[in-house]
Amino acid sequence: MHEYSTVIGLDLGDRYSAFCLVSREGTVLEVGRVPATPDALQRKFGPMERLLLLNSRGLHEVCGGVW
């Protein structure tokens, strides 16, 4: 299995996608939303390295109720 430094929980929407960034240790690093376009997602997450992406039905699954 590949090593990763951050988990992204992503709840894809028609106009906006909600996200939650969580460290390997389980600490919530950031919660927010981004326009649901390829360019916006690339700008937000493209510079990050070693990510694990979880496509979620709701961010409560990833953020532990923080959302």
C-alpha atoms as a PDB file:
ATOM      1  CA  MET A   1       0.000   0.000   0.000  1.00  0.00           C
ATOM      2  CA  HIS A   2       1.214   3.504  -0.788  1.00  0.00           C
ATOM      3  CA  GLU A   3       2.018   5.935   1.988  1.00  0.00           C
ATOM      4  CA  TYR A   4      -0.105   9.056   2.250  1.00  0.00           C
ATOM      5  CA  SER A   5       0.087  12.121   4.444  1.00  0.00           C
ATOM      6  CA  THR A   6      -3.461  13.460   4.170  1.00  0.00           C
ATOM      7  CA  VAL A   7      -6.934  12.046   3.553  1.00  0.00           C
ATOM      8  CA  ILE A   8      -9.440  14.093   1.551  1.00  0.00           C
ATOM      9  CA  GLY A   9     -13.109  13.326   2.061  1.00  0.00           C
ATOM     10  CA  LEU A  10     -14.921  14.708  -0.955  1.00  0.00           C
ATOM     11  CA  ASP A  11     -18.694  15.002  -1.306  1.00  0.00           C
ATOM     12  CA  LEU A  12     -19.212  15.871  -4.974  1.00  0.00           C
ATOM     13  CA  GLY A  13     -22.071  18.216  -5.814  1.00  0.00           C
ATOM     14  CA  ASP A  14     -23.438  19.762  -8.993  1.00  0.00           C
ATOM     15  CA  ARG A  15     -22.118  23.270  -8.304  1.00  0.00           C
ATOM     16  CA  TYR A  16     -19.911  22.900  -5.234  1.00  0.00           C
ATOM     17  CA  SER A  17     -18.100  19.988  -3.636  1.00  0.00           C
ATOM     18  CA  ALA A  18     -17.633  19.857   0.111  1.00  0.00           C
ATOM     19  CA  PHE A  19     -14.338  18.554   1.435  1.00  0.00           C
ATOM     20  CA  CYS A  20     -12.620  17.629   4.654  1.00  0.00           C
ATOM     21  CA  LEU A  21      -8.845  17.237   4.976  1.00  0.00           C
ATOM     22  CA  VAL A  22      -7.739  14.846   7.717  1.00  0.00           C
ATOM     23  CA  SER A  23      -4.199  13.954   8.773  1.00  0.00           C
ATOM     24  CA  ARG A  24      -3.044  10.332   9.024  1.00  0.00           C
ATOM     25  CA  GLU A  25      -3.422  10.723  12.784  1.00  0.00           C
ATOM     26  CA  GLY A  26      -7.088  11.698  12.428  1.00  0.00           C
ATOM     27  CA  THR A  27      -6.810  15.430  13.059  1.00  0.00           C
ATOM     28  CA  VAL A  28      -9.197  17.538  10.971  1.00  0.00           C
ATOM     29  CA  LEU A  29      -6.997  20.026   9.107  1.00  0.00           C
ATOM     30  CA  GLU A  30      -9.551  21.893   7.002  1.00  0.00           C
ATOM     31  CA  VAL A  31     -13.235  21.759   6.143  1.00  0.00           C
ATOM     32  CA  GLY A  32     -14.709  23.730   3.271  1.00  0.00           C
ATOM     33  CA  ARG A  33     -16.177  23.735  -0.185  1.00  0.00           C
ATOM     34  CA  VAL A  34     -14.825  24.309  -3.653  1.00  0.00           C
ATOM     35  CA  PRO A  35     -16.541  24.863  -7.003  1.00  0.00           C
ATOM     36  CA  ALA A  36     -17.202  21.486  -8.635  1.00  0.00           C
ATOM     37  CA  THR A  37     -15.125  22.155 -11.735  1.00  0.00           C
ATOM     38  CA  PRO A  38     -11.955  20.365 -12.820  1.00  0.00           C
ATOM     39  CA  ASP A  39      -9.976  23.625 -12.711  1.00  0.00           C
ATOM     40  CA  ALA A  40     -11.102  24.529  -9.185  1.00  0.00           C
ATOM     41  CA  LEU A  41     -10.417  21.027  -7.859  1.00  0.00           C
ATOM     42  CA  GLN A  42      -6.970  21.050  -9.478  1.00  0.00           C
ATOM     43  CA  ARG A  43      -6.131  24.452  -7.962  1.00  0.00           C
ATOM     44  CA  LYS A  44      -7.212  23.317  -4.489  1.00  0.00           C
ATOM     45  CA  PHE A  45      -5.808  19.789  -4.359  1.00  0.00           C
ATOM     46  CA  GLY A  46      -3.273  19.616  -7.201  1.00  0.00           C
ATOM     47  CA  PRO A  47      -0.317  21.051  -5.243  1.00  0.00           C
ATOM     48  CA  MET A  48      -0.765  18.515  -2.416  1.00  0.00           C
ATOM     49  CA  GLU A  49       1.310  15.360  -2.436  1.00  0.00           C
ATOM     50  CA  ARG A  50       0.612  11.842  -1.208  1.00  0.00           C
ATOM     51  CA  LEU A  51      -3.144  12.098  -0.751  1.00  0.00           C
ATOM     52  CA  LEU A  52      -5.781   9.449  -0.161  1.00  0.00           C
ATOM     53  CA  LEU A  53      -9.109  10.476  -1.707  1.00  0.00           C
ATOM     54  CA  LEU A  54     -12.384   9.178  -0.292  1.00  0.00           C
ATOM     55  CA  ASN A  55     -15.507   9.891  -2.306  1.00  0.00           C
ATOM     56  CA  SER A  56     -18.131  10.193   0.377  1.00  0.00           C
ATOM     57  CA  ARG A  57     -21.924  10.241   0.586  1.00  0.00           C
ATOM     58  CA  GLY A  58     -21.584  12.686   3.440  1.00  0.00           C
ATOM     59  CA  LEU A  59     -18.621  14.266   5.148  1.00  0.00           C
ATOM     60  CA  HIS A  60     -19.694  12.955   8.537  1.00  0.00           C
ATOM     61  CA  GLU A  61     -18.163   9.653   7.375  1.00  0.00           C
ATOM     62  CA  VAL A  62     -14.715  11.252   7.108  1.00  0.00           C
ATOM     63  CA  CYS A  63     -14.799  14.180   9.526  1.00  0.00           C
ATOM     64  CA  GLY A  64     -16.326  12.337  12.442  1.00  0.00           C
ATOM     65  CA  GLY A  65     -19.279  14.673  12.854  1.00  0.00           C
ATOM     66  CA  VAL A  66     -17.305  17.916  12.476  1.00  0.00           C
ATOM     67  CA  TRP A  67     -19.143  18.820   9.283  1.00  0.00           C
END
